[in-house]
Amino acid sequence: MPGIGHRIVIEGPAAVVRLGYQKAATLGRWRVEGGMFSADVVDVDGFRITQEPLVLEIPNADGIPTRRRLAAVSVSGGRLVATLIKG
C-alpha cells in the first residue's frame, strides 16, 4: 500500500561509545529505531563524548562486537541520543 512504511526497531541491554580505544560512555538499555540511537547513560566522560569520531560498540554472543559510527550525539537527563552513520 502506498504511504505505509516499515520501521525496524532493535533493542539491547548494554553498549559502549568509544573515542578510539577509550570509553566515552557506558550505556544501559538502548534502542535503535530507523537511523536514530537512544540509550540510558550509566557513565559518561563529558569531554570524550563531545569529540569525533565516536563509535557505538554493541557486544555480541560470539565475542565480536557490532560497531557503528555516531553523529549528532547529545546527552541530557541521563539519556544519550545520536544518529547512526551508515557504512
PDB file of N, CA and C in Angstrom:
ATOM      1  N   MET A   1       0.831  -1.178   0.000  1.00  0.00           N
ATOM      2  CA  MET A   1       0.000   0.000   0.000  1.00  0.00           C
ATOM      3  C   MET A   1       0.875   1.242   0.000  1.00  0.00           C
ATOM      4  N   PRO A   2       0.603   2.191  -0.828  1.00  0.00           N
ATOM      5  CA  PRO A   2       1.377   3.430  -0.853  1.00  0.00           C
ATOM      6  C   PRO A   2       1.248   4.195   0.458  1.00  0.00           C
ATOM      7  N   GLY A   3       2.354   4.804   0.864  1.00  0.00           N
ATOM      8  CA  GLY A   3       2.320   5.642   2.068  1.00  0.00           C
ATOM      9  C   GLY A   3       2.514   4.896   3.368  1.00  0.00           C
ATOM     10  N   ILE A   4       2.532   3.568   3.331  1.00  0.00           N
ATOM     11  CA  ILE A   4       2.743   2.795   4.560  1.00  0.00           C
ATOM     12  C   ILE A   4       4.165   2.269   4.545  1.00  0.00           C
ATOM     13  N   GLY A   5       4.931   2.654   5.548  1.00  0.00           N
ATOM     14  CA  GLY A   5       6.320   2.221   5.627  1.00  0.00           C
ATOM     15  C   GLY A   5       6.544   1.321   6.824  1.00  0.00           C
ATOM     16  N   HIS A   6       7.698   0.744   6.851  1.00  0.00           N
ATOM     17  CA  HIS A   6       8.075  -0.109   7.968  1.00  0.00           C
ATOM     18  C   HIS A   6       9.270   0.508   8.667  1.00  0.00           C
ATOM     19  N   ARG A   7       9.294   0.403   9.958  1.00  0.00           N
ATOM     20  CA  ARG A   7      10.402   0.918  10.738  1.00  0.00           C
ATOM     21  C   ARG A   7      10.916  -0.234  11.596  1.00  0.00           C
ATOM     22  N   ILE A   8      12.186  -0.535  11.440  1.00  0.00           N
ATOM     23  CA  ILE A   8      12.797  -1.614  12.223  1.00  0.00           C
ATOM     24  C   ILE A   8      13.231  -1.048  13.561  1.00  0.00           C
ATOM     25  N   VAL A   9      12.916  -1.776  14.629  1.00  0.00           N
ATOM     26  CA  VAL A   9      13.317  -1.395  15.981  1.00  0.00           C
ATOM     27  C   VAL A   9      14.169  -2.525  16.550  1.00  0.00           C
ATOM     28  N   ILE A  10      15.343  -2.165  17.076  1.00  0.00           N
ATOM     29  CA  ILE A  10      16.243  -3.130  17.710  1.00  0.00           C
ATOM     30  C   ILE A  10      16.551  -2.602  19.101  1.00  0.00           C
ATOM     31  N   GLU A  11      16.531  -3.486  20.103  1.00  0.00           N
ATOM     32  CA  GLU A  11      16.823  -3.084  21.476  1.00  0.00           C
ATOM     33  C   GLU A  11      17.848  -4.028  22.091  1.00  0.00           C
ATOM     34  N   GLY A  12      18.543  -3.537  23.103  1.00  0.00           N
ATOM     35  CA  GLY A  12      19.525  -4.366  23.785  1.00  0.00           C
ATOM     36  C   GLY A  12      19.789  -3.883  25.199  1.00  0.00           C
ATOM     37  N   PRO A  13      20.528  -4.677  25.969  1.00  0.00           N
ATOM     38  CA  PRO A  13      20.741  -4.381  27.386  1.00  0.00           C
ATOM     39  C   PRO A  13      21.914  -3.461  27.706  1.00  0.00           C
ATOM     40  N   ALA A  14      22.917  -3.382  26.831  1.00  0.00           N
ATOM     41  CA  ALA A  14      24.113  -2.599  27.166  1.00  0.00           C
ATOM     42  C   ALA A  14      24.931  -2.316  25.912  1.00  0.00           C
ATOM     43  N   ALA A  15      25.705  -1.231  25.964  1.00  0.00           N
ATOM     44  CA  ALA A  15      26.591  -0.864  24.858  1.00  0.00           C
ATOM     45  C   ALA A  15      27.633   0.116  25.392  1.00  0.00           C
ATOM     46  N   VAL A  16      28.583   0.438  24.541  1.00  0.00           N
ATOM     47  CA  VAL A  16      29.648   1.378  24.894  1.00  0.00           C
ATOM     48  C   VAL A  16      29.827   2.336  23.715  1.00  0.00           C
ATOM     49  N   VAL A  17      30.146   3.592  24.015  1.00  0.00           N
ATOM     50  CA  VAL A  17      30.545   4.539  22.976  1.00  0.00           C
ATOM     51  C   VAL A  17      32.031   4.777  23.168  1.00  0.00           C
ATOM     52  N   ARG A  18      32.798   4.659  22.075  1.00  0.00           N
ATOM     53  CA  ARG A  18      34.248   4.820  22.156  1.00  0.00           C
ATOM     54  C   ARG A  18      34.736   5.967  21.289  1.00  0.00           C
ATOM     55  N   LEU A  19      35.779   6.606  21.787  1.00  0.00           N
ATOM     56  CA  LEU A  19      36.569   7.569  21.026  1.00  0.00           C
ATOM     57  C   LEU A  19      37.923   6.895  20.874  1.00  0.00           C
ATOM     58  N   GLY A  20      38.177   6.340  19.695  1.00  0.00           N
ATOM     59  CA  GLY A  20      39.361   5.497  19.542  1.00  0.00           C
ATOM     60  C   GLY A  20      39.172   4.258  20.411  1.00  0.00           C
ATOM     61  N   TYR A  21      40.141   3.939  21.238  1.00  0.00           N
ATOM     62  CA  TYR A  21      40.021   2.793  22.139  1.00  0.00           C
ATOM     63  C   TYR A  21      39.480   3.197  23.505  1.00  0.00           C
ATOM     64  N   GLN A  22      39.339   4.494  23.757  1.00  0.00           N
ATOM     65  CA  GLN A  22      38.898   4.984  25.065  1.00  0.00           C
ATOM     66  C   GLN A  22      37.375   5.046  25.145  1.00  0.00           C
ATOM     67  N   LYS A  23      36.846   4.732  26.330  1.00  0.00           N
ATOM     68  CA  LYS A  23      35.399   4.825  26.544  1.00  0.00           C
ATOM     69  C   LYS A  23      34.982   6.278  26.682  1.00  0.00           C
ATOM     70  N   ALA A  24      33.977   6.650  25.911  1.00  0.00           N
ATOM     71  CA  ALA A  24      33.368   7.969  26.051  1.00  0.00           C
ATOM     72  C   ALA A  24      32.096   7.858  26.883  1.00  0.00           C
ATOM     73  N   ALA A  25      31.432   6.681  26.825  1.00  0.00           N
ATOM     74  CA  ALA A  25      30.221   6.457  27.616  1.00  0.00           C
ATOM     75  C   ALA A  25      29.965   4.971  27.771  1.00  0.00           C
ATOM     76  N   THR A  26      29.454   4.607  28.920  1.00  0.00           N
ATOM     77  CA  THR A  26      28.953   3.259  29.176  1.00  0.00           C
ATOM     78  C   THR A  26      27.435   3.383  29.206  1.00  0.00           C
ATOM     79  N   LEU A  27      26.775   2.535  28.436  1.00  0.00           N
ATOM     80  CA  LEU A  27      25.338   2.651  28.275  1.00  0.00           C
ATOM     81  C   LEU A  27      24.606   1.436  28.815  1.00  0.00           C
ATOM     82  N   GLY A  28      23.401   1.678  29.304  1.00  0.00           N
ATOM     83  CA  GLY A  28      22.499   0.611  29.721  1.00  0.00           C
ATOM     84  C   GLY A  28      21.582   0.277  28.553  1.00  0.00           C
ATOM     85  N   ARG A  29      20.296   0.114  28.843  1.00  0.00           N
ATOM     86  CA  ARG A  29      19.330  -0.243  27.804  1.00  0.00           C
ATOM     87  C   ARG A  29      19.380   0.746  26.648  1.00  0.00           C
ATOM     88  N   TRP A  30      19.384   0.200  25.441  1.00  0.00           N
ATOM     89  CA  TRP A  30      19.456   1.025  24.254  1.00  0.00           C
ATOM     90  C   TRP A  30      18.404   0.607  23.244  1.00  0.00           C
ATOM     91  N   ARG A  31      18.186   1.508  22.260  1.00  0.00           N
ATOM     92  CA  ARG A  31      17.180   1.266  21.233  1.00  0.00           C
ATOM     93  C   ARG A  31      17.619   1.942  19.932  1.00  0.00           C
ATOM     94  N   VAL A  32      17.480   1.206  18.839  1.00  0.00           N
ATOM     95  CA  VAL A  32      17.678   1.766  17.506  1.00  0.00           C
ATOM     96  C   VAL A  32      16.322   1.736  16.818  1.00  0.00           C
ATOM     97  N   GLU A  33      15.904   2.899  16.339  1.00  0.00           N
ATOM     98  CA  GLU A  33      14.646   2.992  15.602  1.00  0.00           C
ATOM     99  C   GLU A  33      14.898   3.850  14.371  1.00  0.00           C
ATOM    100  N   GLY A  34      14.768   3.215  13.216  1.00  0.00           N
ATOM    101  CA  GLY A  34      15.160   3.913  11.991  1.00  0.00           C
ATOM    102  C   GLY A  34      16.658   4.162  12.058  1.00  0.00           C
ATOM    103  N   GLY A  35      17.085   5.384  11.851  1.00  0.00           N
ATOM    104  CA  GLY A  35      18.503   5.721  11.928  1.00  0.00           C
ATOM    105  C   GLY A  35      18.892   6.395  13.228  1.00  0.00           C
ATOM    106  N   MET A  36      17.990   6.351  14.215  1.00  0.00           N
ATOM    107  CA  MET A  36      18.256   7.014  15.495  1.00  0.00           C
ATOM    108  C   MET A  36      18.602   6.003  16.583  1.00  0.00           C
ATOM    109  N   PHE A  37      19.564   6.371  17.413  1.00  0.00           N
ATOM    110  CA  PHE A  37      20.003   5.544  18.531  1.00  0.00           C
ATOM    111  C   PHE A  37      19.739   6.305  19.819  1.00  0.00           C
ATOM    112  N   SER A  38      19.190   5.630  20.823  1.00  0.00           N
ATOM    113  CA  SER A  38      18.997   6.240  22.141  1.00  0.00           C
ATOM    114  C   SER A  38      19.324   5.210  23.212  1.00  0.00           C
ATOM    115  N   ALA A  39      19.784   5.691  24.367  1.00  0.00           N
ATOM    116  CA  ALA A  39      20.196   4.762  25.430  1.00  0.00           C
ATOM    117  C   ALA A  39      20.214   5.458  26.785  1.00  0.00           C
ATOM    118  N   ASP A  40      20.082   4.654  27.830  1.00  0.00           N
ATOM    119  CA  ASP A  40      20.300   5.124  29.194  1.00  0.00           C
ATOM    120  C   ASP A  40      21.806   5.248  29.404  1.00  0.00           C
ATOM    121  N   VAL A  41      22.234   6.322  30.037  1.00  0.00           N
ATOM    122  CA  VAL A  41      23.657   6.539  30.295  1.00  0.00           C
ATOM    123  C   VAL A  41      23.997   6.037  31.700  1.00  0.00           C
ATOM    124  N   VAL A  42      24.951   5.106  31.777  1.00  0.00           N
ATOM    125  CA  VAL A  42      25.446   4.599  33.060  1.00  0.00           C
ATOM    126  C   VAL A  42      26.593   5.479  33.541  1.00  0.00           C
ATOM    127  N   ASP A  43      27.491   5.808  32.609  1.00  0.00           N
ATOM    128  CA  ASP A  43      28.659   6.641  32.911  1.00  0.00           C
ATOM    129  C   ASP A  43      29.074   7.360  31.635  1.00  0.00           C
ATOM    130  N   VAL A  44      29.511   8.616  31.766  1.00  0.00           N
ATOM    131  CA  VAL A  44      29.925   9.361  30.582  1.00  0.00           C
ATOM    132  C   VAL A  44      31.123  10.232  30.907  1.00  0.00           C
ATOM    133  N   ASP A  45      32.054  10.308  29.971  1.00  0.00           N
ATOM    134  CA  ASP A  45      33.182  11.228  30.064  1.00  0.00           C
ATOM    135  C   ASP A  45      32.754  12.492  29.317  1.00  0.00           C
ATOM    136  N   GLY A  46      32.533  13.562  30.054  1.00  0.00           N
ATOM    137  CA  GLY A  46      31.992  14.788  29.492  1.00  0.00           C
ATOM    138  C   GLY A  46      32.808  15.391  28.364  1.00  0.00           C
ATOM    139  N   PHE A  47      34.118  15.159  28.351  1.00  0.00           N
ATOM    140  CA  PHE A  47      34.962  15.666  27.273  1.00  0.00           C
ATOM    141  C   PHE A  47      34.938  14.725  26.072  1.00  0.00           C
ATOM    142  N   ARG A  48      35.208  13.452  26.284  1.00  0.00           N
ATOM    143  CA  ARG A  48      35.302  12.497  25.169  1.00  0.00           C
ATOM    144  C   ARG A  48      34.011  12.407  24.360  1.00  0.00           C
ATOM    145  N   ILE A  49      32.859  12.506  25.038  1.00  0.00           N
ATOM    146  CA  ILE A  49      31.586  12.354  24.335  1.00  0.00           C
ATOM    147  C   ILE A  49      31.335  13.513  23.361  1.00  0.00           C
ATOM    148  N   THR A  50      32.093  14.595  23.478  1.00  0.00           N
ATOM    149  CA  THR A  50      31.936  15.736  22.569  1.00  0.00           C
ATOM    150  C   THR A  50      32.913  15.692  21.399  1.00  0.00           C
ATOM    151  N   GLN A  51      33.780  14.689  21.372  1.00  0.00           N
ATOM    152  CA  GLN A  51      34.806  14.584  20.328  1.00  0.00           C
ATOM    153  C   GLN A  51      34.320  13.697  19.181  1.00  0.00           C
ATOM    154  N   GLU A  52      35.110  13.665  18.116  1.00  0.00           N
ATOM    155  CA  GLU A  52      34.797  12.807  16.964  1.00  0.00           C
ATOM    156  C   GLU A  52      36.051  12.101  16.504  1.00  0.00           C
ATOM    157  N   PRO A  53      35.933  10.943  15.894  1.00  0.00           N
ATOM    158  CA  PRO A  53      34.725  10.189  15.605  1.00  0.00           C
ATOM    159  C   PRO A  53      34.345   9.302  16.791  1.00  0.00           C
ATOM    160  N   LEU A  54      33.067   9.252  17.093  1.00  0.00           N
ATOM    161  CA  LEU A  54      32.550   8.373  18.141  1.00  0.00           C
ATOM    162  C   LEU A  54      32.001   7.108  17.494  1.00  0.00           C
ATOM    163  N   VAL A  55      32.258   5.974  18.146  1.00  0.00           N
ATOM    164  CA  VAL A  55      31.823   4.683  17.618  1.00  0.00           C
ATOM    165  C   VAL A  55      31.000   3.958  18.677  1.00  0.00           C
ATOM    166  N   LEU A  56      29.813   3.523  18.281  1.00  0.00           N
ATOM    167  CA  LEU A  56      28.964   2.702  19.127  1.00  0.00           C
ATOM    168  C   LEU A  56      29.467   1.271  19.037  1.00  0.00           C
ATOM    169  N   GLU A  57      29.608   0.617  20.175  1.00  0.00           N
ATOM    170  CA  GLU A  57      30.083  -0.766  20.225  1.00  0.00           C
ATOM    171  C   GLU A  57      29.065  -1.594  21.001  1.00  0.00           C
ATOM    172  N   ILE A  58      28.416  -2.533  20.302  1.00  0.00           N
ATOM    173  CA  ILE A  58      27.401  -3.400  20.904  1.00  0.00           C
ATOM    174  C   ILE A  58      27.967  -4.811  20.998  1.00  0.00           C
ATOM    175  N   PRO A  59      28.043  -5.367  22.213  1.00  0.00           N
ATOM    176  CA  PRO A  59      28.594  -6.721  22.356  1.00  0.00           C
ATOM    177  C   PRO A  59      27.667  -7.778  21.745  1.00  0.00           C
ATOM    178  N   ASN A  60      28.261  -8.838  21.233  1.00  0.00           N
ATOM    179  CA  ASN A  60      27.523  -9.964  20.663  1.00  0.00           C
ATOM    180  C   ASN A  60      27.954 -11.255  21.336  1.00  0.00           C
ATOM    181  N   ALA A  61      27.108 -12.247  21.262  1.00  0.00           N
ATOM    182  CA  ALA A  61      27.375 -13.544  21.903  1.00  0.00           C
ATOM    183  C   ALA A  61      28.643 -14.204  21.372  1.00  0.00           C
ATOM    184  N   ASP A  62      28.998 -13.955  20.105  1.00  0.00           N
ATOM    185  CA  ASP A  62      30.192 -14.584  19.524  1.00  0.00           C
ATOM    186  C   ASP A  62      31.486 -13.877  19.920  1.00  0.00           C
ATOM    187  N   GLY A  63      31.361 -12.781  20.705  1.00  0.00           N
ATOM    188  CA  GLY A  63      32.540 -12.064  21.160  1.00  0.00           C
ATOM    189  C   GLY A  63      33.019 -10.973  20.215  1.00  0.00           C
ATOM    190  N   ILE A  64      32.433 -10.903  19.029  1.00  0.00           N
ATOM    191  CA  ILE A  64      32.801  -9.874  18.053  1.00  0.00           C
ATOM    192  C   ILE A  64      31.731  -8.782  18.101  1.00  0.00           C
ATOM    193  N   PRO A  65      32.080  -7.588  18.604  1.00  0.00           N
ATOM    194  CA  PRO A  65      31.063  -6.541  18.736  1.00  0.00           C
ATOM    195  C   PRO A  65      30.655  -5.935  17.395  1.00  0.00           C
ATOM    196  N   THR A  66      29.427  -5.459  17.350  1.00  0.00           N
ATOM    197  CA  THR A  66      28.951  -4.674  16.225  1.00  0.00           C
ATOM    198  C   THR A  66      29.384  -3.237  16.476  1.00  0.00           C
ATOM    199  N   ARG A  67      29.964  -2.590  15.467  1.00  0.00           N
ATOM    200  CA  ARG A  67      30.425  -1.206  15.613  1.00  0.00           C
ATOM    201  C   ARG A  67      29.791  -0.342  14.530  1.00  0.00           C
ATOM    202  N   ARG A  68      29.308   0.828  14.953  1.00  0.00           N
ATOM    203  CA  ARG A  68      28.728   1.798  14.024  1.00  0.00           C
ATOM    204  C   ARG A  68      29.141   3.199  14.453  1.00  0.00           C
ATOM    205  N   ARG A  69      29.445   4.050  13.484  1.00  0.00           N
ATOM    206  CA  ARG A  69      29.766   5.452  13.772  1.00  0.00           C
ATOM    207  C   ARG A  69      28.516   6.182  14.220  1.00  0.00           C
ATOM    208  N   LEU A  70      28.715   7.177  15.085  1.00  0.00           N
ATOM    209  CA  LEU A  70      27.628   8.014  15.572  1.00  0.00           C
ATOM    210  C   LEU A  70      27.877   9.469  15.180  1.00  0.00           C
ATOM    211  N   ALA A  71      26.812  10.214  14.992  1.00  0.00           N
ATOM    212  CA  ALA A  71      26.891  11.650  14.727  1.00  0.00           C
ATOM    213  C   ALA A  71      25.818  12.353  15.550  1.00  0.00           C
ATOM    214  N   ALA A  72      25.965  13.653  15.704  1.00  0.00           N
ATOM    215  CA  ALA A  72      24.983  14.479  16.420  1.00  0.00           C
ATOM    216  C   ALA A  72      24.646  13.883  17.787  1.00  0.00           C
ATOM    217  N   VAL A  73      25.672  13.518  18.539  1.00  0.00           N
ATOM    218  CA  VAL A  73      25.486  12.892  19.853  1.00  0.00           C
ATOM    219  C   VAL A  73      25.140  13.960  20.891  1.00  0.00           C
ATOM    220  N   SER A  74      24.099  13.689  21.670  1.00  0.00           N
ATOM    221  CA  SER A  74      23.768  14.579  22.784  1.00  0.00           C
ATOM    222  C   SER A  74      23.409  13.747  24.004  1.00  0.00           C
ATOM    223  N   VAL A  75      23.771  14.277  25.169  1.00  0.00           N
ATOM    224  CA  VAL A  75      23.471  13.619  26.432  1.00  0.00           C
ATOM    225  C   VAL A  75      22.726  14.612  27.305  1.00  0.00           C
ATOM    226  N   SER A  76      21.571  14.201  27.792  1.00  0.00           N
ATOM    227  CA  SER A  76      20.764  15.061  28.644  1.00  0.00           C
ATOM    228  C   SER A  76      19.831  14.211  29.492  1.00  0.00           C
ATOM    229  N   GLY A  77      19.732  14.550  30.771  1.00  0.00           N
ATOM    230  CA  GLY A  77      18.810  13.846  31.649  1.00  0.00           C
ATOM    231  C   GLY A  77      19.050  12.353  31.738  1.00  0.00           C
ATOM    232  N   GLY A  78      20.313  11.938  31.660  1.00  0.00           N
ATOM    233  CA  GLY A  78      20.639  10.516  31.763  1.00  0.00           C
ATOM    234  C   GLY A  78      20.355   9.705  30.502  1.00  0.00           C
ATOM    235  N   ARG A  79      20.094  10.399  29.383  1.00  0.00           N
ATOM    236  CA  ARG A  79      19.835   9.729  28.108  1.00  0.00           C
ATOM    237  C   ARG A  79      20.812  10.226  27.049  1.00  0.00           C
ATOM    238  N   LEU A  80      21.257   9.317  26.202  1.00  0.00           N
ATOM    239  CA  LEU A  80      22.090   9.663  25.063  1.00  0.00           C
ATOM    240  C   LEU A  80      21.234   9.454  23.807  1.00  0.00           C
ATOM    241  N   VAL A  81      21.303  10.410  22.899  1.00  0.00           N
ATOM    242  CA  VAL A  81      20.599  10.319  21.618  1.00  0.00           C
ATOM    243  C   VAL A  81      21.611  10.647  20.525  1.00  0.00           C
ATOM    244  N   ALA A  82      21.571   9.888  19.439  1.00  0.00           N
ATOM    245  CA  ALA A  82      22.521  10.106  18.337  1.00  0.00           C
ATOM    246  C   ALA A  82      21.951   9.568  17.027  1.00  0.00           C
ATOM    247  N   THR A  83      22.590   9.969  15.956  1.00  0.00           N
ATOM    248  CA  THR A  83      22.258   9.461  14.625  1.00  0.00           C
ATOM    249  C   THR A  83      23.289   8.396  14.260  1.00  0.00           C
ATOM    250  N   LEU A  84      22.810   7.254  13.766  1.00  0.00           N
ATOM    251  CA  LEU A  84      23.709   6.198  13.285  1.00  0.00           C
ATOM    252  C   LEU A  84      24.169   6.547  11.870  1.00  0.00           C
ATOM    253  N   ILE A  85      25.467   6.393  11.616  1.00  0.00           N
ATOM    254  CA  ILE A  85      26.040   6.644  10.297  1.00  0.00           C
ATOM    255  C   ILE A  85      26.089   5.332   9.530  1.00  0.00           C
ATOM    256  N   LYS A  86      25.548   5.325   8.349  1.00  0.00           N
ATOM    257  CA  LYS A  86      25.559   4.107   7.523  1.00  0.00           C
ATOM    258  C   LYS A  86      26.955   3.860   6.994  1.00  0.00           C
ATOM    259  N   GLY A  87      27.271   2.562   6.873  1.00  0.00           N
ATOM    260  CA  GLY A  87      28.547   2.203   6.257  1.00  0.00           C
ATOM    261  C   GLY A  87      29.571   1.827   7.167  1.00  0.00           C
TER     262      GLY A  87
END
